[in-house]
Amino acid sequence: MSFEQFLTDEQDPKPAEKVLGKLQDMLAPGERILFLAVQKKPAVTLMPDAIIATDKRIVFCSPGNLGLTTNFQIFLWKDVKEVSFKEEFFGARFTMVPLKGENVTVDYIPKVQARKLYQFSSQQIEEQGKLSQQSEAISAITAPVQVDIQGETIAPAPAPLVEEEDELTQKLKKLKGLFEKQLISQEEYETKKADILSQL
């Protein structure tokens, strides 16, 4: 894997190469890395944290044991609720909010990297949302078929049609609600009701 393509936004080549080398063995067949963000603290950053966005998941990498090991926190996009970033004086703080569990935050991400990482991550979350909506629609269409004791197929009950109420009906219901809560008098209710009905 060529890591030079990820070194356009102030990334330090050595940690970027190290992280991408470790991640390469973890990629699923056909999985593509979309963006890499590497922490850059104001002083010297000896062992930076990194965030990698692929088309399937987001990976948070933190060096441990003086850089001899790496801790990975991996989240599939379908398990991510949202991402955000906040620009600060030195870099930006990037936060990922999972559907379950605690938020994951990495600070001192260079601002340009944080913006791009946010952009890539938001796109993946949006695409995942569309995919889950499509699968829900398909599962609703392909409802299970029921078979009775004689072996004959019973058609599933059709979904009830929800008829939208017209504007006048909604106004009448709202007016009746106001009257029942004693917010308007009987006279006001009758007058307004006659006014609405005259619009038919």
N, C-alpha and C. Protein backbone atom coordinates (compact mmCIF):
# COMPACT_ATOMS: atom_id res chain seq x y z
N MET A 1 0.84 -1.18 0.00
CA MET A 1 0.00 0.00 0.00
C MET A 1 0.88 1.24 0.00
N SER A 2 0.58 2.19 -0.88
CA SER A 2 1.33 3.43 -0.93
C SER A 2 0.76 4.41 0.08
N PHE A 3 1.59 4.86 1.02
CA PHE A 3 1.08 5.75 2.06
C PHE A 3 1.32 7.21 1.70
N GLU A 4 2.04 7.49 0.60
CA GLU A 4 2.34 8.86 0.23
C GLU A 4 1.07 9.68 -0.02
N GLN A 5 0.02 9.01 -0.51
CA GLN A 5 -1.23 9.72 -0.81
C GLN A 5 -1.88 10.30 0.45
N PHE A 6 -1.51 9.78 1.64
CA PHE A 6 -2.11 10.26 2.89
C PHE A 6 -1.25 11.33 3.57
N LEU A 7 -0.17 11.75 2.93
CA LEU A 7 0.74 12.69 3.57
C LEU A 7 0.57 14.11 3.04
N THR A 8 -0.65 14.47 2.66
CA THR A 8 -0.87 15.78 2.07
C THR A 8 -1.32 16.82 3.08
N ASP A 9 -1.67 16.43 4.28
CA ASP A 9 -2.25 17.36 5.25
C ASP A 9 -1.43 17.44 6.54
N GLU A 10 -0.13 17.72 6.42
CA GLU A 10 0.77 17.91 7.56
C GLU A 10 1.06 16.63 8.35
N GLN A 11 0.79 15.46 7.77
CA GLN A 11 1.10 14.23 8.50
C GLN A 11 2.60 14.01 8.54
N ASP A 12 3.07 13.50 9.65
CA ASP A 12 4.47 13.11 9.79
C ASP A 12 4.61 11.75 9.11
N PRO A 13 5.54 11.59 8.17
CA PRO A 13 5.63 10.34 7.39
C PRO A 13 5.89 9.09 8.23
N LYS A 14 6.73 9.18 9.26
CA LYS A 14 7.10 7.98 10.02
C LYS A 14 5.92 7.36 10.76
N PRO A 15 5.17 8.13 11.59
CA PRO A 15 4.02 7.50 12.26
C PRO A 15 2.95 7.06 11.28
N ALA A 16 2.77 7.83 10.19
CA ALA A 16 1.76 7.47 9.19
C ALA A 16 2.10 6.12 8.57
N GLU A 17 3.37 5.94 8.21
CA GLU A 17 3.80 4.68 7.60
C GLU A 17 3.64 3.52 8.59
N LYS A 18 3.97 3.76 9.85
CA LYS A 18 3.88 2.71 10.87
C LYS A 18 2.43 2.27 11.09
N VAL A 19 1.53 3.25 11.22
CA VAL A 19 0.11 2.95 11.46
C VAL A 19 -0.49 2.23 10.25
N LEU A 20 -0.21 2.74 9.07
CA LEU A 20 -0.78 2.13 7.86
C LEU A 20 -0.24 0.71 7.65
N GLY A 21 1.02 0.49 8.03
CA GLY A 21 1.59 -0.85 7.92
C GLY A 21 0.86 -1.85 8.80
N LYS A 22 0.53 -1.43 10.03
CA LYS A 22 -0.20 -2.31 10.95
C LYS A 22 -1.63 -2.52 10.48
N LEU A 23 -2.23 -1.47 9.96
CA LEU A 23 -3.64 -1.55 9.55
C LEU A 23 -3.82 -2.40 8.30
N GLN A 24 -2.81 -2.44 7.46
CA GLN A 24 -2.91 -3.18 6.20
C GLN A 24 -3.28 -4.65 6.44
N ASP A 25 -2.75 -5.23 7.51
CA ASP A 25 -3.05 -6.63 7.83
C ASP A 25 -4.47 -6.81 8.35
N MET A 26 -5.12 -5.72 8.77
CA MET A 26 -6.45 -5.81 9.34
C MET A 26 -7.56 -5.53 8.33
N LEU A 27 -7.20 -5.05 7.16
CA LEU A 27 -8.22 -4.68 6.17
C LEU A 27 -8.92 -5.91 5.61
N ALA A 28 -10.22 -5.79 5.43
CA ALA A 28 -11.01 -6.85 4.80
C ALA A 28 -10.77 -6.80 3.29
N PRO A 29 -11.03 -7.89 2.58
CA PRO A 29 -10.86 -7.86 1.12
C PRO A 29 -11.73 -6.76 0.50
N GLY A 30 -11.11 -5.94 -0.32
CA GLY A 30 -11.83 -4.86 -0.99
C GLY A 30 -12.01 -3.60 -0.15
N GLU A 31 -11.57 -3.64 1.11
CA GLU A 31 -11.73 -2.46 1.98
C GLU A 31 -10.69 -1.41 1.59
N ARG A 32 -11.14 -0.17 1.50
CA ARG A 32 -10.27 0.93 1.09
C ARG A 32 -10.11 1.95 2.22
N ILE A 33 -8.88 2.42 2.40
CA ILE A 33 -8.64 3.51 3.35
C ILE A 33 -9.01 4.81 2.66
N LEU A 34 -9.86 5.61 3.31
CA LEU A 34 -10.29 6.87 2.74
C LEU A 34 -9.44 8.04 3.25
N PHE A 35 -9.10 8.01 4.55
CA PHE A 35 -8.34 9.13 5.10
C PHE A 35 -7.61 8.72 6.37
N LEU A 36 -6.49 9.37 6.60
CA LEU A 36 -5.68 9.14 7.79
C LEU A 36 -5.43 10.48 8.47
N ALA A 37 -5.70 10.55 9.76
CA ALA A 37 -5.40 11.76 10.55
C ALA A 37 -4.45 11.37 11.66
N VAL A 38 -3.36 12.11 11.79
CA VAL A 38 -2.33 11.82 12.80
C VAL A 38 -2.22 12.99 13.77
N GLN A 39 -2.24 12.68 15.06
CA GLN A 39 -2.15 13.68 16.12
C GLN A 39 -0.83 14.45 16.01
N LYS A 40 -0.90 15.77 16.25
CA LYS A 40 0.31 16.60 16.22
C LYS A 40 0.23 17.59 17.37
N LYS A 41 0.92 17.26 18.48
CA LYS A 41 0.88 18.10 19.67
C LYS A 41 1.78 19.32 19.47
N PRO A 42 1.56 20.39 20.26
CA PRO A 42 2.37 21.60 20.09
C PRO A 42 3.86 21.36 20.27
N ALA A 43 4.22 20.54 21.23
CA ALA A 43 5.64 20.19 21.41
C ALA A 43 5.94 18.99 20.51
N VAL A 44 7.00 18.30 20.76
CA VAL A 44 7.35 17.13 19.96
C VAL A 44 6.37 16.00 20.26
N THR A 45 5.84 15.40 19.20
CA THR A 45 4.91 14.28 19.36
C THR A 45 5.66 12.99 19.04
N LEU A 46 6.09 12.28 20.09
CA LEU A 46 6.87 11.07 19.86
C LEU A 46 6.00 9.88 19.46
N MET A 47 4.85 9.73 20.14
CA MET A 47 3.97 8.60 19.85
C MET A 47 2.54 9.12 19.64
N PRO A 48 2.25 9.59 18.43
CA PRO A 48 0.93 10.19 18.20
C PRO A 48 -0.18 9.16 18.06
N ASP A 49 -1.37 9.57 18.47
CA ASP A 49 -2.57 8.79 18.17
C ASP A 49 -2.92 9.03 16.71
N ALA A 50 -3.70 8.13 16.15
CA ALA A 50 -4.11 8.29 14.74
C ALA A 50 -5.55 7.80 14.57
N ILE A 51 -6.20 8.33 13.57
CA ILE A 51 -7.56 7.91 13.23
C ILE A 51 -7.57 7.57 11.75
N ILE A 52 -8.09 6.39 11.43
CA ILE A 52 -8.18 5.97 10.03
C ILE A 52 -9.64 5.73 9.68
N ALA A 53 -10.08 6.36 8.59
CA ALA A 53 -11.44 6.13 8.09
C ALA A 53 -11.34 5.27 6.84
N THR A 54 -12.01 4.11 6.85
CA THR A 54 -12.08 3.28 5.66
C THR A 54 -13.52 3.31 5.16
N ASP A 55 -13.80 2.63 4.07
CA ASP A 55 -15.17 2.61 3.56
C ASP A 55 -16.06 1.66 4.37
N LYS A 56 -15.48 0.92 5.34
CA LYS A 56 -16.27 0.00 6.15
C LYS A 56 -16.31 0.38 7.64
N ARG A 57 -15.27 1.08 8.13
CA ARG A 57 -15.17 1.34 9.57
C ARG A 57 -14.26 2.52 9.87
N ILE A 58 -14.26 2.90 11.15
CA ILE A 58 -13.35 3.93 11.63
C ILE A 58 -12.48 3.28 12.71
N VAL A 59 -11.18 3.54 12.64
CA VAL A 59 -10.22 2.89 13.54
C VAL A 59 -9.44 3.96 14.30
N PHE A 60 -9.42 3.84 15.64
CA PHE A 60 -8.63 4.74 16.48
C PHE A 60 -7.41 3.96 16.96
N CYS A 61 -6.24 4.50 16.72
CA CYS A 61 -4.98 3.83 17.09
C CYS A 61 -4.27 4.65 18.17
N SER A 62 -3.91 3.99 19.27
CA SER A 62 -3.15 4.65 20.34
C SER A 62 -1.94 3.80 20.67
N PRO A 63 -0.73 4.37 20.60
CA PRO A 63 0.45 3.59 20.95
C PRO A 63 0.50 3.31 22.45
N GLY A 64 1.01 2.14 22.79
CA GLY A 64 1.16 1.75 24.19
C GLY A 64 2.54 1.16 24.42
N ASN A 65 2.91 1.00 25.68
CA ASN A 65 4.21 0.40 26.04
C ASN A 65 5.37 1.06 25.28
N LEU A 66 5.41 2.38 25.40
CA LEU A 66 6.49 3.17 24.76
C LEU A 66 6.57 2.95 23.25
N GLY A 67 5.42 2.75 22.63
CA GLY A 67 5.38 2.59 21.19
C GLY A 67 5.60 1.18 20.69
N LEU A 68 5.80 0.23 21.62
CA LEU A 68 6.03 -1.15 21.20
C LEU A 68 4.74 -1.86 20.81
N THR A 69 3.61 -1.38 21.34
CA THR A 69 2.31 -1.98 21.00
C THR A 69 1.37 -0.87 20.54
N THR A 70 0.27 -1.27 19.92
CA THR A 70 -0.75 -0.32 19.48
C THR A 70 -2.11 -0.82 19.93
N ASN A 71 -2.87 0.06 20.56
CA ASN A 71 -4.24 -0.27 20.95
C ASN A 71 -5.18 0.22 19.86
N PHE A 72 -6.04 -0.66 19.39
CA PHE A 72 -6.99 -0.32 18.33
C PHE A 72 -8.41 -0.31 18.89
N GLN A 73 -9.15 0.73 18.59
CA GLN A 73 -10.59 0.77 18.84
C GLN A 73 -11.25 0.86 17.47
N ILE A 74 -12.03 -0.17 17.15
CA ILE A 74 -12.58 -0.28 15.80
C ILE A 74 -14.11 -0.25 15.86
N PHE A 75 -14.70 0.58 15.02
CA PHE A 75 -16.16 0.71 14.96
C PHE A 75 -16.61 0.62 13.51
N LEU A 76 -17.56 -0.28 13.23
CA LEU A 76 -18.18 -0.30 11.91
C LEU A 76 -19.03 0.95 11.77
N TRP A 77 -19.19 1.44 10.54
CA TRP A 77 -19.96 2.67 10.34
C TRP A 77 -21.40 2.52 10.81
N LYS A 78 -21.95 1.31 10.72
CA LYS A 78 -23.35 1.11 11.15
C LYS A 78 -23.50 1.27 12.67
N ASP A 79 -22.38 1.20 13.40
CA ASP A 79 -22.41 1.35 14.86
C ASP A 79 -22.06 2.77 15.32
N VAL A 80 -21.89 3.68 14.35
CA VAL A 80 -21.52 5.06 14.69
C VAL A 80 -22.76 5.96 14.56
N LYS A 81 -23.05 6.68 15.63
CA LYS A 81 -24.21 7.59 15.62
C LYS A 81 -23.86 8.89 14.92
N GLU A 82 -22.73 9.50 15.31
CA GLU A 82 -22.31 10.76 14.69
C GLU A 82 -20.85 11.05 15.00
N VAL A 83 -20.29 12.00 14.25
CA VAL A 83 -18.93 12.47 14.50
C VAL A 83 -18.98 14.00 14.60
N SER A 84 -18.02 14.56 15.30
CA SER A 84 -17.93 16.02 15.40
C SER A 84 -16.49 16.41 15.63
N PHE A 85 -16.21 17.68 15.39
CA PHE A 85 -14.87 18.18 15.72
C PHE A 85 -14.99 19.62 16.18
N LYS A 86 -14.04 20.02 17.01
CA LYS A 86 -14.02 21.38 17.53
C LYS A 86 -12.61 21.92 17.35
N GLU A 87 -12.51 23.02 16.62
CA GLU A 87 -11.20 23.63 16.41
C GLU A 87 -10.78 24.38 17.66
N GLU A 88 -9.54 24.15 18.06
CA GLU A 88 -8.99 24.81 19.23
C GLU A 88 -7.74 25.58 18.82
N PHE A 89 -7.07 26.18 19.79
CA PHE A 89 -5.89 26.97 19.45
C PHE A 89 -4.82 26.11 18.77
N PHE A 90 -4.54 24.96 19.37
CA PHE A 90 -3.59 24.02 18.77
C PHE A 90 -4.37 22.85 18.20
N GLY A 91 -4.64 22.86 16.93
CA GLY A 91 -5.32 21.74 16.28
C GLY A 91 -6.80 21.68 16.61
N ALA A 92 -7.35 20.47 16.49
CA ALA A 92 -8.78 20.26 16.70
C ALA A 92 -9.00 19.00 17.51
N ARG A 93 -10.16 18.95 18.17
CA ARG A 93 -10.56 17.77 18.95
C ARG A 93 -11.62 17.05 18.12
N PHE A 94 -11.35 15.80 17.75
CA PHE A 94 -12.28 15.00 16.94
C PHE A 94 -12.97 13.98 17.85
N THR A 95 -14.30 13.92 17.78
CA THR A 95 -15.06 13.02 18.64
C THR A 95 -15.99 12.14 17.80
N MET A 96 -16.02 10.86 18.14
CA MET A 96 -16.93 9.90 17.50
C MET A 96 -17.89 9.40 18.57
N VAL A 97 -19.20 9.46 18.27
CA VAL A 97 -20.23 9.01 19.20
C VAL A 97 -20.80 7.69 18.69
N PRO A 98 -20.53 6.58 19.38
CA PRO A 98 -21.09 5.29 18.94
C PRO A 98 -22.54 5.13 19.38
N LEU A 99 -23.26 4.20 18.77
CA LEU A 99 -24.63 3.92 19.17
C LEU A 99 -24.66 3.34 20.58
N LYS A 100 -23.63 2.57 20.93
CA LYS A 100 -23.52 2.00 22.28
C LYS A 100 -22.11 2.26 22.79
N GLY A 101 -22.01 2.51 24.08
CA GLY A 101 -20.68 2.71 24.67
C GLY A 101 -20.32 4.18 24.78
N GLU A 102 -19.07 4.41 25.15
CA GLU A 102 -18.60 5.77 25.41
C GLU A 102 -18.04 6.42 24.15
N ASN A 103 -18.08 7.75 24.14
CA ASN A 103 -17.51 8.52 23.03
C ASN A 103 -16.00 8.32 22.98
N VAL A 104 -15.44 8.43 21.79
CA VAL A 104 -13.99 8.34 21.62
C VAL A 104 -13.51 9.68 21.08
N THR A 105 -12.53 10.28 21.76
CA THR A 105 -12.04 11.60 21.37
C THR A 105 -10.53 11.57 21.21
N VAL A 106 -10.04 12.23 20.17
CA VAL A 106 -8.60 12.42 19.97
C VAL A 106 -8.38 13.91 19.78
N ASP A 107 -7.46 14.47 20.58
CA ASP A 107 -7.20 15.90 20.44
C ASP A 107 -5.92 16.14 19.64
N TYR A 108 -5.63 17.40 19.40
CA TYR A 108 -4.45 17.84 18.66
C TYR A 108 -4.37 17.27 17.24
N ILE A 109 -5.54 17.05 16.62
CA ILE A 109 -5.55 16.68 15.20
C ILE A 109 -5.41 17.98 14.42
N PRO A 110 -4.47 18.08 13.47
CA PRO A 110 -4.39 19.31 12.68
C PRO A 110 -5.75 19.67 12.08
N LYS A 111 -6.05 20.96 12.06
CA LYS A 111 -7.39 21.42 11.69
C LYS A 111 -7.83 20.94 10.31
N VAL A 112 -6.92 20.99 9.34
CA VAL A 112 -7.27 20.56 7.98
C VAL A 112 -7.62 19.07 7.99
N GLN A 113 -6.83 18.27 8.71
CA GLN A 113 -7.10 16.84 8.81
C GLN A 113 -8.45 16.58 9.48
N ALA A 114 -8.74 17.33 10.53
CA ALA A 114 -10.00 17.14 11.26
C ALA A 114 -11.19 17.44 10.36
N ARG A 115 -11.09 18.50 9.56
CA ARG A 115 -12.19 18.84 8.65
C ARG A 115 -12.42 17.73 7.63
N LYS A 116 -11.32 17.26 7.04
CA LYS A 116 -11.45 16.21 6.02
C LYS A 116 -11.94 14.90 6.62
N LEU A 117 -11.43 14.57 7.80
CA LEU A 117 -11.86 13.35 8.47
C LEU A 117 -13.36 13.43 8.79
N TYR A 118 -13.81 14.60 9.22
CA TYR A 118 -15.23 14.81 9.50
C TYR A 118 -16.05 14.63 8.22
N GLN A 119 -15.55 15.18 7.12
CA GLN A 119 -16.24 15.07 5.83
C GLN A 119 -16.37 13.61 5.40
N PHE A 120 -15.26 12.87 5.41
CA PHE A 120 -15.28 11.47 5.00
C PHE A 120 -16.19 10.65 5.93
N SER A 121 -16.07 10.89 7.24
CA SER A 121 -16.86 10.12 8.21
C SER A 121 -18.35 10.40 8.04
N SER A 122 -18.71 11.65 7.87
CA SER A 122 -20.13 12.01 7.69
C SER A 122 -20.72 11.34 6.46
N GLN A 123 -19.94 11.29 5.38
CA GLN A 123 -20.40 10.63 4.16
C GLN A 123 -20.67 9.15 4.41
N GLN A 124 -19.78 8.50 5.14
CA GLN A 124 -19.94 7.07 5.40
C GLN A 124 -21.15 6.81 6.30
N ILE A 125 -21.36 7.67 7.31
CA ILE A 125 -22.52 7.50 8.20
C ILE A 125 -23.81 7.69 7.41
N GLU A 126 -23.82 8.70 6.52
CA GLU A 126 -25.01 8.96 5.69
C GLU A 126 -25.30 7.78 4.77
N GLU A 127 -24.26 7.25 4.13
CA GLU A 127 -24.45 6.09 3.23
C GLU A 127 -24.94 4.88 4.01
N GLN A 128 -24.42 4.69 5.22
CA GLN A 128 -24.86 3.57 6.05
C GLN A 128 -26.32 3.72 6.42
N GLY A 129 -26.75 4.95 6.69
CA GLY A 129 -28.15 5.22 7.00
C GLY A 129 -29.06 4.88 5.82
N LYS A 130 -28.62 5.23 4.61
CA LYS A 130 -29.41 4.91 3.41
C LYS A 130 -29.51 3.40 3.22
N LEU A 131 -28.40 2.69 3.44
CA LEU A 131 -28.40 1.23 3.29
C LEU A 131 -29.35 0.57 4.29
N SER A 132 -29.35 1.06 5.54
CA SER A 132 -30.24 0.44 6.54
C SER A 132 -31.70 0.74 6.22
N GLN A 133 -31.99 1.92 5.67
CA GLN A 133 -33.37 2.24 5.25
C GLN A 133 -33.81 1.32 4.12
N GLN A 134 -32.91 1.07 3.17
CA GLN A 134 -33.23 0.17 2.05
C GLN A 134 -33.49 -1.24 2.55
N SER A 135 -32.66 -1.73 3.47
CA SER A 135 -32.85 -3.09 3.97
C SER A 135 -34.15 -3.21 4.77
N GLU A 136 -34.52 -2.15 5.50
CA GLU A 136 -35.79 -2.15 6.23
C GLU A 136 -36.96 -2.19 5.26
N ALA A 137 -36.85 -1.44 4.17
CA ALA A 137 -37.91 -1.42 3.16
C ALA A 137 -38.05 -2.79 2.50
N ILE A 138 -36.93 -3.43 2.21
CA ILE A 138 -36.95 -4.76 1.58
C ILE A 138 -37.56 -5.78 2.53
N SER A 139 -37.17 -5.73 3.82
CA SER A 139 -37.71 -6.69 4.78
C SER A 139 -39.19 -6.47 5.00
N ALA A 140 -39.66 -5.23 4.86
CA ALA A 140 -41.10 -4.95 5.00
C ALA A 140 -41.87 -5.52 3.80
N ILE A 141 -41.25 -5.47 2.62
CA ILE A 141 -41.90 -6.00 1.42
C ILE A 141 -41.95 -7.52 1.46
N THR A 142 -40.87 -8.13 1.89
CA THR A 142 -40.78 -9.59 1.92
C THR A 142 -41.20 -10.11 3.29
N ALA A 143 -42.45 -9.83 3.65
CA ALA A 143 -42.98 -10.31 4.93
C ALA A 143 -43.11 -11.82 4.90
N PRO A 144 -42.96 -12.50 6.03
CA PRO A 144 -43.04 -13.95 6.05
C PRO A 144 -44.45 -14.43 5.63
N VAL A 145 -44.48 -15.52 4.89
CA VAL A 145 -45.75 -16.11 4.43
C VAL A 145 -46.22 -17.10 5.48
N GLN A 146 -47.50 -17.01 5.83
CA GLN A 146 -48.05 -17.93 6.82
C GLN A 146 -48.78 -19.07 6.11
N VAL A 147 -48.70 -20.27 6.67
CA VAL A 147 -49.36 -21.44 6.11
C VAL A 147 -50.28 -22.02 7.18
N ASP A 148 -51.53 -22.32 6.80
CA ASP A 148 -52.46 -22.86 7.80
C ASP A 148 -52.28 -24.37 7.94
N ILE A 149 -53.09 -25.00 8.78
CA ILE A 149 -52.94 -26.43 9.10
C ILE A 149 -53.09 -27.31 7.86
N GLN A 150 -53.96 -26.94 6.92
CA GLN A 150 -54.17 -27.73 5.71
C GLN A 150 -53.05 -27.52 4.68
N GLY A 151 -52.09 -26.67 4.98
CA GLY A 151 -50.98 -26.45 4.06
C GLY A 151 -51.25 -25.36 3.04
N GLU A 152 -52.36 -24.65 3.18
CA GLU A 152 -52.67 -23.58 2.24
C GLU A 152 -52.04 -22.27 2.72
N THR A 153 -51.58 -21.50 1.75
CA THR A 153 -50.92 -20.24 2.07
C THR A 153 -51.95 -19.19 2.48
N ILE A 154 -51.64 -18.51 3.56
CA ILE A 154 -52.49 -17.41 4.02
C ILE A 154 -51.78 -16.12 3.68
N ALA A 155 -52.44 -15.28 2.92
CA ALA A 155 -51.84 -14.00 2.54
C ALA A 155 -51.69 -13.14 3.78
N PRO A 156 -50.53 -12.50 3.94
CA PRO A 156 -50.37 -11.62 5.10
C PRO A 156 -51.35 -10.45 5.02
N ALA A 157 -51.81 -10.02 6.16
CA ALA A 157 -52.76 -8.92 6.20
C ALA A 157 -52.12 -7.67 5.62
N PRO A 158 -52.83 -6.98 4.73
CA PRO A 158 -52.23 -5.77 4.15
C PRO A 158 -52.03 -4.71 5.23
N ALA A 159 -51.00 -3.94 5.03
CA ALA A 159 -50.71 -2.87 5.99
C ALA A 159 -51.84 -1.85 5.92
N PRO A 160 -52.31 -1.38 7.07
CA PRO A 160 -53.41 -0.42 7.04
C PRO A 160 -53.00 0.86 6.33
N LEU A 161 -53.90 1.34 5.50
CA LEU A 161 -53.62 2.57 4.77
C LEU A 161 -53.87 3.75 5.70
N VAL A 162 -52.89 4.60 5.80
CA VAL A 162 -53.03 5.78 6.64
C VAL A 162 -53.48 6.92 5.74
N GLU A 163 -54.72 7.33 5.96
CA GLU A 163 -55.27 8.38 5.12
C GLU A 163 -54.96 9.72 5.77
N GLU A 164 -54.35 10.59 5.00
CA GLU A 164 -54.02 11.90 5.55
C GLU A 164 -55.29 12.74 5.68
N GLU A 165 -55.40 13.40 6.82
CA GLU A 165 -56.55 14.25 7.05
C GLU A 165 -56.37 15.56 6.31
N ASP A 166 -57.50 16.08 5.80
CA ASP A 166 -57.39 17.37 5.13
C ASP A 166 -57.25 18.48 6.18
N GLU A 167 -56.96 19.66 5.71
CA GLU A 167 -56.67 20.78 6.59
C GLU A 167 -57.88 21.17 7.45
N LEU A 168 -59.09 21.12 6.87
CA LEU A 168 -60.29 21.50 7.62
C LEU A 168 -60.56 20.55 8.78
N THR A 169 -60.37 19.24 8.52
CA THR A 169 -60.58 18.24 9.59
C THR A 169 -59.59 18.48 10.73
N GLN A 170 -58.36 18.78 10.38
CA GLN A 170 -57.35 19.05 11.40
C GLN A 170 -57.73 20.28 12.23
N LYS A 171 -58.24 21.31 11.54
CA LYS A 171 -58.64 22.53 12.26
C LYS A 171 -59.80 22.24 13.21
N LEU A 172 -60.78 21.44 12.74
CA LEU A 172 -61.94 21.11 13.59
C LEU A 172 -61.51 20.32 14.83
N LYS A 173 -60.58 19.36 14.63
CA LYS A 173 -60.10 18.57 15.76
C LYS A 173 -59.37 19.45 16.76
N LYS A 174 -58.55 20.36 16.24
CA LYS A 174 -57.79 21.25 17.11
C LYS A 174 -58.75 22.15 17.90
N LEU A 175 -59.76 22.65 17.20
CA LEU A 175 -60.75 23.52 17.85
C LEU A 175 -61.50 22.77 18.95
N LYS A 176 -61.88 21.51 18.65
CA LYS A 176 -62.60 20.71 19.65
C LYS A 176 -61.70 20.45 20.87
N GLY A 177 -60.42 20.21 20.62
CA GLY A 177 -59.47 20.01 21.72
C GLY A 177 -59.38 21.23 22.61
N LEU A 178 -59.35 22.41 22.00
CA LEU A 178 -59.30 23.65 22.77
C LEU A 178 -60.55 23.81 23.64
N PHE A 179 -61.72 23.44 23.05
CA PHE A 179 -62.97 23.55 23.79
C PHE A 179 -63.02 22.56 24.96
N GLU A 180 -62.57 21.31 24.69
CA GLU A 180 -62.59 20.29 25.74
C GLU A 180 -61.64 20.63 26.89
N LYS A 181 -60.58 21.35 26.59
CA LYS A 181 -59.64 21.77 27.65
C LYS A 181 -60.10 23.08 28.31
N GLN A 182 -61.28 23.55 27.87
CA GLN A 182 -61.89 24.77 28.41
C GLN A 182 -61.02 26.00 28.20
N LEU A 183 -60.32 26.01 27.05
CA LEU A 183 -59.50 27.16 26.71
C LEU A 183 -60.31 28.19 25.92
N ILE A 184 -61.46 27.74 25.35
CA ILE A 184 -62.38 28.65 24.66
C ILE A 184 -63.79 28.34 25.15
N SER A 185 -64.67 29.34 25.02
CA SER A 185 -66.05 29.16 25.50
C SER A 185 -66.88 28.41 24.47
N GLN A 186 -68.09 27.98 24.88
CA GLN A 186 -69.03 27.29 23.98
C GLN A 186 -69.36 28.19 22.80
N GLU A 187 -69.57 29.46 23.08
CA GLU A 187 -69.94 30.42 22.02
C GLU A 187 -68.80 30.57 21.02
N GLU A 188 -67.56 30.71 21.53
CA GLU A 188 -66.40 30.83 20.63
C GLU A 188 -66.23 29.56 19.80
N TYR A 189 -66.45 28.42 20.44
CA TYR A 189 -66.33 27.14 19.74
C TYR A 189 -67.32 27.06 18.59
N GLU A 190 -68.60 27.38 18.87
CA GLU A 190 -69.65 27.29 17.84
C GLU A 190 -69.39 28.27 16.70
N THR A 191 -68.96 29.49 17.04
CA THR A 191 -68.69 30.52 16.02
C THR A 191 -67.56 30.08 15.10
N LYS A 192 -66.46 29.64 15.71
CA LYS A 192 -65.29 29.23 14.92
C LYS A 192 -65.60 27.97 14.10
N LYS A 193 -66.36 27.06 14.68
CA LYS A 193 -66.74 25.83 13.98
C LYS A 193 -67.56 26.16 12.73
N ALA A 194 -68.52 27.06 12.89
CA ALA A 194 -69.34 27.48 11.75
C ALA A 194 -68.47 28.14 10.69
N ASP A 195 -67.49 28.90 11.13
CA ASP A 195 -66.59 29.58 10.20
C ASP A 195 -65.77 28.56 9.39
N ILE A 196 -65.25 27.55 10.08
CA ILE A 196 -64.46 26.50 9.39
C ILE A 196 -65.34 25.71 8.43
N LEU A 197 -66.54 25.34 8.87
CA LEU A 197 -67.45 24.54 8.04
C LEU A 197 -67.90 25.33 6.81
N SER A 198 -67.93 26.64 6.89
CA SER A 198 -68.35 27.44 5.73
C SER A 198 -67.30 27.40 4.61
N GLN A 199 -66.08 26.95 4.94
CA GLN A 199 -65.02 26.85 3.94
C GLN A 199 -65.12 25.58 3.09
N LEU A 200 -66.05 24.67 3.44
CA LEU A 200 -66.22 23.43 2.69
C LEU A 200 -66.74 23.68 1.30
